PDB file of all heavy atoms in Angstrom:
ATOM      1  N   ALA A   1     -13.694  -1.122  -0.418  1.00  0.00           N
ATOM      2  CA  ALA A   1     -13.250  -2.349   0.241  1.00  0.00           C
ATOM      3  C   ALA A   1     -12.468  -1.993   1.497  1.00  0.00           C
ATOM      4  O   ALA A   1     -11.720  -1.012   1.515  1.00  0.00           O
ATOM      5  CB  ALA A   1     -12.378  -3.182  -0.696  1.00  0.00           C
ATOM      6  N   LEU A   2     -12.647  -2.798   2.533  1.00  0.00           N
ATOM      7  CA  LEU A   2     -11.821  -2.733   3.737  1.00  0.00           C
ATOM      8  C   LEU A   2     -11.218  -4.116   3.932  1.00  0.00           C
ATOM      9  O   LEU A   2     -11.914  -5.056   4.302  1.00  0.00           O
ATOM     10  CB  LEU A   2     -12.642  -2.338   4.972  1.00  0.00           C
ATOM     11  CG  LEU A   2     -12.618  -0.847   5.351  1.00  0.00           C
ATOM     12  CD1 LEU A   2     -13.314  -0.031   4.285  1.00  0.00           C
ATOM     13  CD2 LEU A   2     -13.260  -0.625   6.707  1.00  0.00           C
ATOM     14  N   ILE A   3      -9.938  -4.216   3.660  1.00  0.00           N
ATOM     15  CA  ILE A   3      -9.250  -5.503   3.673  1.00  0.00           C
ATOM     16  C   ILE A   3      -8.529  -5.657   5.002  1.00  0.00           C
ATOM     17  O   ILE A   3      -7.608  -4.898   5.310  1.00  0.00           O
ATOM     18  CB  ILE A   3      -8.269  -5.585   2.503  1.00  0.00           C
ATOM     19  CG1 ILE A   3      -9.013  -5.367   1.179  1.00  0.00           C
ATOM     20  CG2 ILE A   3      -7.528  -6.921   2.501  1.00  0.00           C
ATOM     21  CD1 ILE A   3      -8.115  -5.002   0.021  1.00  0.00           C
ATOM     22  N   HIS A   4      -8.959  -6.615   5.800  1.00  0.00           N
ATOM     23  CA  HIS A   4      -8.336  -6.865   7.090  1.00  0.00           C
ATOM     24  C   HIS A   4      -7.173  -7.835   6.885  1.00  0.00           C
ATOM     25  O   HIS A   4      -7.330  -8.900   6.298  1.00  0.00           O
ATOM     26  CB  HIS A   4      -9.349  -7.461   8.068  1.00  0.00           C
ATOM     27  CG  HIS A   4      -8.872  -7.488   9.479  1.00  0.00           C
ATOM     28  ND1 HIS A   4      -8.098  -8.502   9.983  1.00  0.00           N
ATOM     29  CD2 HIS A   4      -9.051  -6.606  10.507  1.00  0.00           C
ATOM     30  CE1 HIS A   4      -7.829  -8.267  11.253  1.00  0.00           C
ATOM     31  NE2 HIS A   4      -8.395  -7.117  11.600  1.00  0.00           N
ATOM     32  N   GLU A   5      -6.001  -7.449   7.352  1.00  0.00           N
ATOM     33  CA  GLU A   5      -4.806  -8.249   7.127  1.00  0.00           C
ATOM     34  C   GLU A   5      -3.888  -8.165   8.335  1.00  0.00           C
ATOM     35  O   GLU A   5      -4.031  -7.266   9.169  1.00  0.00           O
ATOM     36  CB  GLU A   5      -4.080  -7.756   5.871  1.00  0.00           C
ATOM     37  CG  GLU A   5      -3.767  -6.275   5.893  1.00  0.00           C
ATOM     38  CD  GLU A   5      -3.324  -5.750   4.540  1.00  0.00           C
ATOM     39  OE1 GLU A   5      -3.483  -6.450   3.528  1.00  0.00           O
ATOM     40  OE2 GLU A   5      -2.823  -4.622   4.495  1.00  0.00           O
ATOM     41  N   PRO A   6      -2.946  -9.073   8.474  1.00  0.00           N
ATOM     42  CA  PRO A   6      -2.045  -9.045   9.632  1.00  0.00           C
ATOM     43  C   PRO A   6      -1.225  -7.767   9.683  1.00  0.00           C
ATOM     44  O   PRO A   6      -0.843  -7.216   8.647  1.00  0.00           O
ATOM     45  CB  PRO A   6      -1.145 -10.261   9.412  1.00  0.00           C
ATOM     46  CG  PRO A   6      -1.905 -11.147   8.480  1.00  0.00           C
ATOM     47  CD  PRO A   6      -2.702 -10.228   7.604  1.00  0.00           C
ATOM     48  N   ALA A   7      -0.939  -7.307  10.895  1.00  0.00           N
ATOM     49  CA  ALA A   7      -0.086  -6.131  11.062  1.00  0.00           C
ATOM     50  C   ALA A   7       1.351  -6.492  10.733  1.00  0.00           C
ATOM     51  O   ALA A   7       1.786  -7.621  10.880  1.00  0.00           O
ATOM     52  CB  ALA A   7      -0.181  -5.605  12.486  1.00  0.00           C
ATOM     53  N   SER A   8       2.102  -5.496  10.280  1.00  0.00           N
ATOM     54  CA  SER A   8       3.498  -5.702   9.924  1.00  0.00           C
ATOM     55  C   SER A   8       4.364  -4.681  10.638  1.00  0.00           C
ATOM     56  O   SER A   8       3.972  -3.513  10.779  1.00  0.00           O
ATOM     57  CB  SER A   8       3.688  -5.560   8.404  1.00  0.00           C
ATOM     58  OG  SER A   8       5.051  -5.448   8.083  1.00  0.00           O
ATOM     59  N   PRO A   9       5.548  -5.062  11.078  1.00  0.00           N
ATOM     60  CA  PRO A   9       6.449  -4.080  11.692  1.00  0.00           C
ATOM     61  C   PRO A   9       6.799  -2.934  10.759  1.00  0.00           C
ATOM     62  O   PRO A   9       7.223  -1.865  11.204  1.00  0.00           O
ATOM     63  CB  PRO A   9       7.691  -4.904  12.038  1.00  0.00           C
ATOM     64  CG  PRO A   9       7.218  -6.321  12.099  1.00  0.00           C
ATOM     65  CD  PRO A   9       6.122  -6.419  11.082  1.00  0.00           C
ATOM     66  N   ALA A  10       6.642  -3.163   9.467  1.00  0.00           N
ATOM     67  CA  ALA A  10       6.994  -2.121   8.502  1.00  0.00           C
ATOM     68  C   ALA A  10       5.882  -1.104   8.303  1.00  0.00           C
ATOM     69  O   ALA A  10       6.044  -0.157   7.545  1.00  0.00           O
ATOM     70  CB  ALA A  10       7.343  -2.765   7.157  1.00  0.00           C
ATOM     71  N   ASP A  11       4.726  -1.311   8.953  1.00  0.00           N
ATOM     72  CA  ASP A  11       3.633  -0.364   8.802  1.00  0.00           C
ATOM     73  C   ASP A  11       4.048   1.029   9.281  1.00  0.00           C
ATOM     74  O   ASP A  11       4.952   1.181  10.088  1.00  0.00           O
ATOM     75  CB  ASP A  11       2.403  -0.824   9.587  1.00  0.00           C
ATOM     76  CG  ASP A  11       1.693  -1.975   8.902  1.00  0.00           C
ATOM     77  OD1 ASP A  11       1.737  -2.029   7.670  1.00  0.00           O
ATOM     78  OD2 ASP A  11       1.110  -2.816   9.608  1.00  0.00           O
ATOM     79  N   LEU A  12       3.342   2.021   8.787  1.00  0.00           N
ATOM     80  CA  LEU A  12       3.615   3.393   9.211  1.00  0.00           C
ATOM     81  C   LEU A  12       3.435   3.518  10.719  1.00  0.00           C
ATOM     82  O   LEU A  12       2.625   2.814  11.328  1.00  0.00           O
ATOM     83  CB  LEU A  12       2.654   4.343   8.489  1.00  0.00           C
ATOM     84  CG  LEU A  12       2.836   4.389   6.970  1.00  0.00           C
ATOM     85  CD1 LEU A  12       1.652   5.082   6.331  1.00  0.00           C
ATOM     86  CD2 LEU A  12       4.118   5.117   6.627  1.00  0.00           C
ATOM     87  N   PRO A  13       4.173   4.426  11.370  1.00  0.00           N
ATOM     88  CA  PRO A  13       4.130   4.520  12.836  1.00  0.00           C
ATOM     89  C   PRO A  13       2.733   4.692  13.399  1.00  0.00           C
ATOM     90  O   PRO A  13       2.410   4.126  14.433  1.00  0.00           O
ATOM     91  CB  PRO A  13       4.999   5.748  13.131  1.00  0.00           C
ATOM     92  CG  PRO A  13       5.937   5.825  11.967  1.00  0.00           C
ATOM     93  CD  PRO A  13       5.145   5.347  10.777  1.00  0.00           C
ATOM     94  N   ASP A  14       1.889   5.483  12.733  1.00  0.00           N
ATOM     95  CA  ASP A  14       0.548   5.691  13.282  1.00  0.00           C
ATOM     96  C   ASP A  14      -0.460   4.714  12.702  1.00  0.00           C
ATOM     97  O   ASP A  14      -1.656   4.793  12.985  1.00  0.00           O
ATOM     98  CB  ASP A  14       0.075   7.128  13.042  1.00  0.00           C
ATOM     99  CG  ASP A  14      -0.121   7.443  11.562  1.00  0.00           C
ATOM    100  OD1 ASP A  14       0.261   6.608  10.728  1.00  0.00           O
ATOM    101  OD2 ASP A  14      -0.681   8.503  11.267  1.00  0.00           O
ATOM    102  N   GLY A  15       0.018   3.788  11.868  1.00  0.00           N
ATOM    103  CA  GLY A  15      -0.866   2.755  11.346  1.00  0.00           C
ATOM    104  C   GLY A  15      -1.784   3.199  10.243  1.00  0.00           C
ATOM    105  O   GLY A  15      -2.713   2.506   9.876  1.00  0.00           O
ATOM    106  N   SER A  16      -1.562   4.376   9.675  1.00  0.00           N
ATOM    107  CA  SER A  16      -2.437   4.845   8.616  1.00  0.00           C
ATOM    108  C   SER A  16      -1.630   5.542   7.542  1.00  0.00           C
ATOM    109  O   SER A  16      -0.458   5.851   7.718  1.00  0.00           O
ATOM    110  CB  SER A  16      -3.500   5.804   9.171  1.00  0.00           C
ATOM    111  OG  SER A  16      -2.876   6.964   9.687  1.00  0.00           O
ATOM    112  N   SER A  17      -2.273   5.792   6.412  1.00  0.00           N
ATOM    113  CA  SER A  17      -1.620   6.515   5.339  1.00  0.00           C
ATOM    114  C   SER A  17      -1.445   7.979   5.728  1.00  0.00           C
ATOM    115  O   SER A  17      -2.070   8.456   6.676  1.00  0.00           O
ATOM    116  CB  SER A  17      -2.449   6.416   4.058  1.00  0.00           C
ATOM    117  OG  SER A  17      -2.426   5.107   3.561  1.00  0.00           O
ATOM    118  N   PRO A  18      -0.568   8.718   5.021  1.00  0.00           N
ATOM    119  CA  PRO A  18      -0.393  10.141   5.337  1.00  0.00           C
ATOM    120  C   PRO A  18      -1.731  10.864   5.352  1.00  0.00           C
ATOM    121  O   PRO A  18      -2.639  10.520   4.587  1.00  0.00           O
ATOM    122  CB  PRO A  18       0.498  10.642   4.191  1.00  0.00           C
ATOM    123  CG  PRO A  18       1.228   9.419   3.739  1.00  0.00           C
ATOM    124  CD  PRO A  18       0.276   8.286   3.910  1.00  0.00           C
ATOM    125  N   PRO A  19      -1.903  11.840   6.211  1.00  0.00           N
ATOM    126  CA  PRO A  19      -3.196  12.520   6.325  1.00  0.00           C
ATOM    127  C   PRO A  19      -3.531  13.284   5.052  1.00  0.00           C
ATOM    128  O   PRO A  19      -2.658  13.607   4.248  1.00  0.00           O
ATOM    129  CB  PRO A  19      -2.974  13.479   7.503  1.00  0.00           C
ATOM    130  CG  PRO A  19      -1.504  13.697   7.527  1.00  0.00           C
ATOM    131  CD  PRO A  19      -0.887  12.397   7.107  1.00  0.00           C
ATOM    132  N   PRO A  20      -4.823  13.575   4.832  1.00  0.00           N
ATOM    133  CA  PRO A  20      -5.231  14.265   3.617  1.00  0.00           C
ATOM    134  C   PRO A  20      -4.579  15.618   3.399  1.00  0.00           C
ATOM    135  O   PRO A  20      -4.562  16.109   2.285  1.00  0.00           O
ATOM    136  CB  PRO A  20      -6.757  14.413   3.802  1.00  0.00           C
ATOM    137  CG  PRO A  20      -7.130  13.277   4.690  1.00  0.00           C
ATOM    138  CD  PRO A  20      -5.958  13.131   5.636  1.00  0.00           C
ATOM    139  N   GLU A  21      -4.022  16.240   4.470  1.00  0.00           N
ATOM    140  CA  GLU A  21      -3.335  17.524   4.235  1.00  0.00           C
ATOM    141  C   GLU A  21      -2.076  17.323   3.406  1.00  0.00           C
ATOM    142  O   GLU A  21      -1.577  18.251   2.776  1.00  0.00           O
ATOM    143  CB  GLU A  21      -2.940  18.161   5.568  1.00  0.00           C
ATOM    144  CG  GLU A  21      -4.091  18.373   6.546  1.00  0.00           C
ATOM    145  CD  GLU A  21      -4.350  17.117   7.366  1.00  0.00           C
ATOM    146  OE1 GLU A  21      -3.455  16.696   8.127  1.00  0.00           O
ATOM    147  OE2 GLU A  21      -5.448  16.565   7.236  1.00  0.00           O
ATOM    148  N   ASN A  22      -1.550  16.106   3.419  1.00  0.00           N
ATOM    149  CA  ASN A  22      -0.351  15.811   2.655  1.00  0.00           C
ATOM    150  C   ASN A  22      -0.688  15.847   1.161  1.00  0.00           C
ATOM    151  O   ASN A  22      -1.704  15.319   0.732  1.00  0.00           O
ATOM    152  CB  ASN A  22       0.175  14.418   3.047  1.00  0.00           C
ATOM    153  CG  ASN A  22       1.565  14.160   2.499  1.00  0.00           C
ATOM    154  OD1 ASN A  22       1.803  14.278   1.316  1.00  0.00           O
ATOM    155  ND2 ASN A  22       2.465  13.796   3.397  1.00  0.00           N
ATOM    156  N   ASP A  23       0.154  16.497   0.363  1.00  0.00           N
ATOM    157  CA  ASP A  23      -0.132  16.636  -1.063  1.00  0.00           C
ATOM    158  C   ASP A  23       0.065  15.327  -1.830  1.00  0.00           C
ATOM    159  O   ASP A  23      -0.392  15.201  -2.959  1.00  0.00           O
ATOM    160  CB  ASP A  23       0.770  17.718  -1.687  1.00  0.00           C
ATOM    161  CG  ASP A  23       0.382  19.117  -1.229  1.00  0.00           C
ATOM    162  OD1 ASP A  23      -0.791  19.300  -0.844  1.00  0.00           O
ATOM    163  OD2 ASP A  23       1.241  20.006  -1.253  1.00  0.00           O
ATOM    164  N   ARG A  24       0.739  14.370  -1.248  1.00  0.00           N
ATOM    165  CA  ARG A  24       1.010  13.126  -1.963  1.00  0.00           C
ATOM    166  C   ARG A  24      -0.248  12.273  -2.046  1.00  0.00           C
ATOM    167  O   ARG A  24      -0.866  11.939  -1.047  1.00  0.00           O
ATOM    168  CB  ARG A  24       2.109  12.338  -1.250  1.00  0.00           C
ATOM    169  CG  ARG A  24       2.575  11.118  -2.038  1.00  0.00           C
ATOM    170  CD  ARG A  24       3.689  10.403  -1.312  1.00  0.00           C
ATOM    171  NE  ARG A  24       3.216   9.798  -0.066  1.00  0.00           N
ATOM    172  CZ  ARG A  24       4.011   9.190   0.803  1.00  0.00           C
ATOM    173  NH1 ARG A  24       5.311   9.140   0.599  1.00  0.00           N
ATOM    174  NH2 ARG A  24       3.495   8.661   1.905  1.00  0.00           N
ATOM    175  N   GLU A  25      -0.634  11.911  -3.266  1.00  0.00           N
ATOM    176  CA  GLU A  25      -1.807  11.078  -3.460  1.00  0.00           C
ATOM    177  C   GLU A  25      -1.436   9.609  -3.266  1.00  0.00           C
ATOM    178  O   GLU A  25      -0.307   9.199  -3.540  1.00  0.00           O
ATOM    179  CB  GLU A  25      -2.344  11.268  -4.892  1.00  0.00           C
ATOM    180  CG  GLU A  25      -2.943  12.642  -5.150  1.00  0.00           C
ATOM    181  CD  GLU A  25      -4.271  12.820  -4.433  1.00  0.00           C
ATOM    182  OE1 GLU A  25      -5.119  11.920  -4.512  1.00  0.00           O
ATOM    183  OE2 GLU A  25      -4.445  13.858  -3.767  1.00  0.00           O
ATOM    184  N   PRO A  26      -2.387   8.802  -2.789  1.00  0.00           N
ATOM    185  CA  PRO A  26      -2.143   7.360  -2.770  1.00  0.00           C
ATOM    186  C   PRO A  26      -1.950   6.845  -4.194  1.00  0.00           C
ATOM    187  O   PRO A  26      -2.382   7.476  -5.161  1.00  0.00           O
ATOM    188  CB  PRO A  26      -3.429   6.789  -2.153  1.00  0.00           C
ATOM    189  CG  PRO A  26      -4.121   7.956  -1.522  1.00  0.00           C
ATOM    190  CD  PRO A  26      -3.710   9.159  -2.292  1.00  0.00           C
ATOM    191  N   ALA A  27      -1.319   5.700  -4.334  1.00  0.00           N
ATOM    192  CA  ALA A  27      -1.088   5.131  -5.661  1.00  0.00           C
ATOM    193  C   ALA A  27      -0.984   3.621  -5.542  1.00  0.00           C
ATOM    194  O   ALA A  27      -0.571   3.087  -4.504  1.00  0.00           O
ATOM    195  CB  ALA A  27       0.191   5.698  -6.286  1.00  0.00           C
ATOM    196  N   TRP A  28      -1.355   2.948  -6.610  1.00  0.00           N
ATOM    197  CA  TRP A  28      -1.196   1.504  -6.654  1.00  0.00           C
ATOM    198  C   TRP A  28       0.279   1.166  -6.834  1.00  0.00           C
ATOM    199  O   TRP A  28       0.998   1.867  -7.545  1.00  0.00           O
ATOM    200  CB  TRP A  28      -1.996   0.917  -7.816  1.00  0.00           C
ATOM    201  CG  TRP A  28      -3.469   1.016  -7.604  1.00  0.00           C
ATOM    202  CD1 TRP A  28      -4.315   1.923  -8.168  1.00  0.00           C
ATOM    203  CD2 TRP A  28      -4.265   0.199  -6.746  1.00  0.00           C
ATOM    204  NE1 TRP A  28      -5.600   1.739  -7.722  1.00  0.00           N
ATOM    205  CE2 TRP A  28      -5.597   0.671  -6.842  1.00  0.00           C
ATOM    206  CE3 TRP A  28      -3.993  -0.869  -5.904  1.00  0.00           C
ATOM    207  CZ2 TRP A  28      -6.648   0.095  -6.133  1.00  0.00           C
ATOM    208  CZ3 TRP A  28      -5.035  -1.453  -5.197  1.00  0.00           C
ATOM    209  CH2 TRP A  28      -6.335  -0.976  -5.318  1.00  0.00           C
ATOM    210  N   PRO A  29       0.749   0.117  -6.192  1.00  0.00           N
ATOM    211  CA  PRO A  29       2.146  -0.293  -6.403  1.00  0.00           C
ATOM    212  C   PRO A  29       2.355  -0.735  -7.835  1.00  0.00           C
ATOM    213  O   PRO A  29       1.426  -1.221  -8.491  1.00  0.00           O
ATOM    214  CB  PRO A  29       2.331  -1.463  -5.420  1.00  0.00           C
ATOM    215  CG  PRO A  29       0.952  -1.975  -5.173  1.00  0.00           C
ATOM    216  CD  PRO A  29       0.042  -0.788  -5.266  1.00  0.00           C
ATOM    217  N   PRO A  30       3.560  -0.572  -8.369  1.00  0.00           N
ATOM    218  CA  PRO A  30       3.807  -0.991  -9.758  1.00  0.00           C
ATOM    219  C   PRO A  30       3.652  -2.501  -9.894  1.00  0.00           C
ATOM    220  O   PRO A  30       3.928  -3.252  -8.958  1.00  0.00           O
ATOM    221  CB  PRO A  30       5.257  -0.558 -10.012  1.00  0.00           C
ATOM    222  CG  PRO A  30       5.865  -0.453  -8.653  1.00  0.00           C
ATOM    223  CD  PRO A  30       4.773  -0.023  -7.723  1.00  0.00           C
ATOM    224  N   PRO A  31       3.197  -2.964 -11.066  1.00  0.00           N
ATOM    225  CA  PRO A  31       3.037  -4.403 -11.251  1.00  0.00           C
ATOM    226  C   PRO A  31       4.386  -5.110 -11.288  1.00  0.00           C
ATOM    227  O   PRO A  31       5.406  -4.519 -11.661  1.00  0.00           O
ATOM    228  CB  PRO A  31       2.325  -4.505 -12.604  1.00  0.00           C
ATOM    229  CG  PRO A  31       2.708  -3.251 -13.324  1.00  0.00           C
ATOM    230  CD  PRO A  31       2.824  -2.194 -12.263  1.00  0.00           C
ATOM    231  N   ASP A  32       4.376  -6.362 -10.912  1.00  0.00           N
ATOM    232  CA  ASP A  32       5.569  -7.204 -10.975  1.00  0.00           C
ATOM    233  C   ASP A  32       5.621  -7.836 -12.362  1.00  0.00           C
ATOM    234  O   ASP A  32       4.793  -8.695 -12.681  1.00  0.00           O
ATOM    235  CB  ASP A  32       5.492  -8.281  -9.900  1.00  0.00           C
ATOM    236  CG  ASP A  32       6.703  -9.207  -9.909  1.00  0.00           C
ATOM    237  OD1 ASP A  32       7.538  -9.100 -10.828  1.00  0.00           O
ATOM    238  OD2 ASP A  32       6.792 -10.064  -9.013  1.00  0.00           O
ATOM    239  N   PRO A  33       6.551  -7.420 -13.210  1.00  0.00           N
ATOM    240  CA  PRO A  33       6.593  -7.966 -14.573  1.00  0.00           C
ATOM    241  C   PRO A  33       6.684  -9.484 -14.606  1.00  0.00           C
ATOM    242  O   PRO A  33       6.063 -10.135 -15.468  1.00  0.00           O
ATOM    243  CB  PRO A  33       7.837  -7.317 -15.190  1.00  0.00           C
ATOM    244  CG  PRO A  33       8.026  -6.050 -14.409  1.00  0.00           C
ATOM    245  CD  PRO A  33       7.589  -6.386 -13.008  1.00  0.00           C
ATOM    246  N   ALA A  34       7.433 -10.070 -13.684  1.00  0.00           N
ATOM    247  CA  ALA A  34       7.568 -11.524 -13.671  1.00  0.00           C
ATOM    248  C   ALA A  34       6.227 -12.189 -13.379  1.00  0.00           C
ATOM    249  O   ALA A  34       5.893 -13.231 -13.979  1.00  0.00           O
ATOM    250  CB  ALA A  34       8.604 -11.944 -12.641  1.00  0.00           C
ATOM    251  N   ASP A  35       5.453 -11.586 -12.494  1.00  0.00           N
ATOM    252  CA  ASP A  35       4.144 -12.144 -12.169  1.00  0.00           C
ATOM    253  C   ASP A  35       3.209 -12.056 -13.368  1.00  0.00           C
ATOM    254  O   ASP A  35       2.460 -13.003 -13.669  1.00  0.00           O
ATOM    255  CB  ASP A  35       3.553 -11.405 -10.976  1.00  0.00           C
ATOM    256  CG  ASP A  35       2.238 -11.999 -10.526  1.00  0.00           C
ATOM    257  OD1 ASP A  35       2.167 -13.226 -10.318  1.00  0.00           O
ATOM    258  OD2 ASP A  35       1.262 -11.233 -10.376  1.00  0.00           O
ATOM    259  N   VAL A  36       3.231 -10.932 -14.064  1.00  0.00           N
ATOM    260  CA  VAL A  36       2.389 -10.782 -15.256  1.00  0.00           C
ATOM    261  C   VAL A  36       2.785 -11.799 -16.319  1.00  0.00           C
ATOM    262  O   VAL A  36       1.929 -12.412 -16.968  1.00  0.00           O
ATOM    263  CB  VAL A  36       2.474  -9.346 -15.808  1.00  0.00           C
ATOM    264  CG1 VAL A  36       1.688  -9.223 -17.110  1.00  0.00           C
ATOM    265  CG2 VAL A  36       1.957  -8.350 -14.774  1.00  0.00           C
ATOM    266  N   ARG A  37       4.076 -12.007 -16.475  1.00  0.00           N
ATOM    267  CA  ARG A  37       4.526 -13.004 -17.465  1.00  0.00           C
ATOM    268  C   ARG A  37       4.078 -14.399 -17.074  1.00  0.00           C
ATOM    269  O   ARG A  37       3.675 -15.191 -17.937  1.00  0.00           O
ATOM    270  CB  ARG A  37       6.048 -12.951 -17.607  1.00  0.00           C
ATOM    271  CG  ARG A  37       6.558 -11.714 -18.344  1.00  0.00           C
ATOM    272  CD  ARG A  37       8.015 -11.883 -18.733  1.00  0.00           C
ATOM    273  NE  ARG A  37       8.889 -11.912 -17.565  1.00  0.00           N
ATOM    274  CZ  ARG A  37       9.464 -10.829 -17.041  1.00  0.00           C
ATOM    275  NH1 ARG A  37       9.243  -9.635 -17.579  1.00  0.00           N
ATOM    276  NH2 ARG A  37      10.271 -10.932 -16.000  1.00  0.00           N
ATOM    277  N   ARG A  38       4.145 -14.720 -15.787  1.00  0.00           N
ATOM    278  CA  ARG A  38       3.710 -16.046 -15.338  1.00  0.00           C
ATOM    279  C   ARG A  38       2.241 -16.278 -15.657  1.00  0.00           C
ATOM    280  O   ARG A  38       1.825 -17.402 -15.942  1.00  0.00           O
ATOM    281  CB  ARG A  38       3.947 -16.209 -13.833  1.00  0.00           C
ATOM    282  CG  ARG A  38       5.369 -16.574 -13.456  1.00  0.00           C
ATOM    283  CD  ARG A  38       5.458 -16.998 -11.995  1.00  0.00           C
ATOM    284  NE  ARG A  38       5.116 -15.911 -11.080  1.00  0.00           N
ATOM    285  CZ  ARG A  38       6.002 -15.042 -10.593  1.00  0.00           C
ATOM    286  NH1 ARG A  38       7.271 -15.123 -10.939  1.00  0.00           N
ATOM    287  NH2 ARG A  38       5.614 -14.086  -9.766  1.00  0.00           N
ATOM    288  N   ARG A  39       1.463 -15.209 -15.603  1.00  0.00           N
ATOM    289  CA  ARG A  39       0.021 -15.315 -15.854  1.00  0.00           C
ATOM    290  C   ARG A  39      -0.337 -14.995 -17.296  1.00  0.00           C
ATOM    291  O   ARG A  39      -1.519 -14.890 -17.636  1.00  0.00           O
ATOM    292  CB  ARG A  39      -0.741 -14.396 -14.911  1.00  0.00           C
ATOM    293  CG  ARG A  39      -0.655 -14.829 -13.455  1.00  0.00           C
ATOM    294  CD  ARG A  39      -1.471 -13.968 -12.535  1.00  0.00           C
ATOM    295  NE  ARG A  39      -0.921 -12.615 -12.410  1.00  0.00           N
ATOM    296  CZ  ARG A  39      -1.373 -11.541 -13.023  1.00  0.00           C
ATOM    297  NH1 ARG A  39      -2.398 -11.638 -13.832  1.00  0.00           N
ATOM    298  NH2 ARG A  39      -0.809 -10.366 -12.854  1.00  0.00           N
TER     299      ARG A  39
END
């Protein structure tokens, strides 16, 4: 998927995730417990 969304001032300076040389893997954000309870 390629999700087009509005830009945010909080985006990374170069507009992308850390490069693949970086050892840190991407990850899904933790779920919001309140949202899960609402649903």
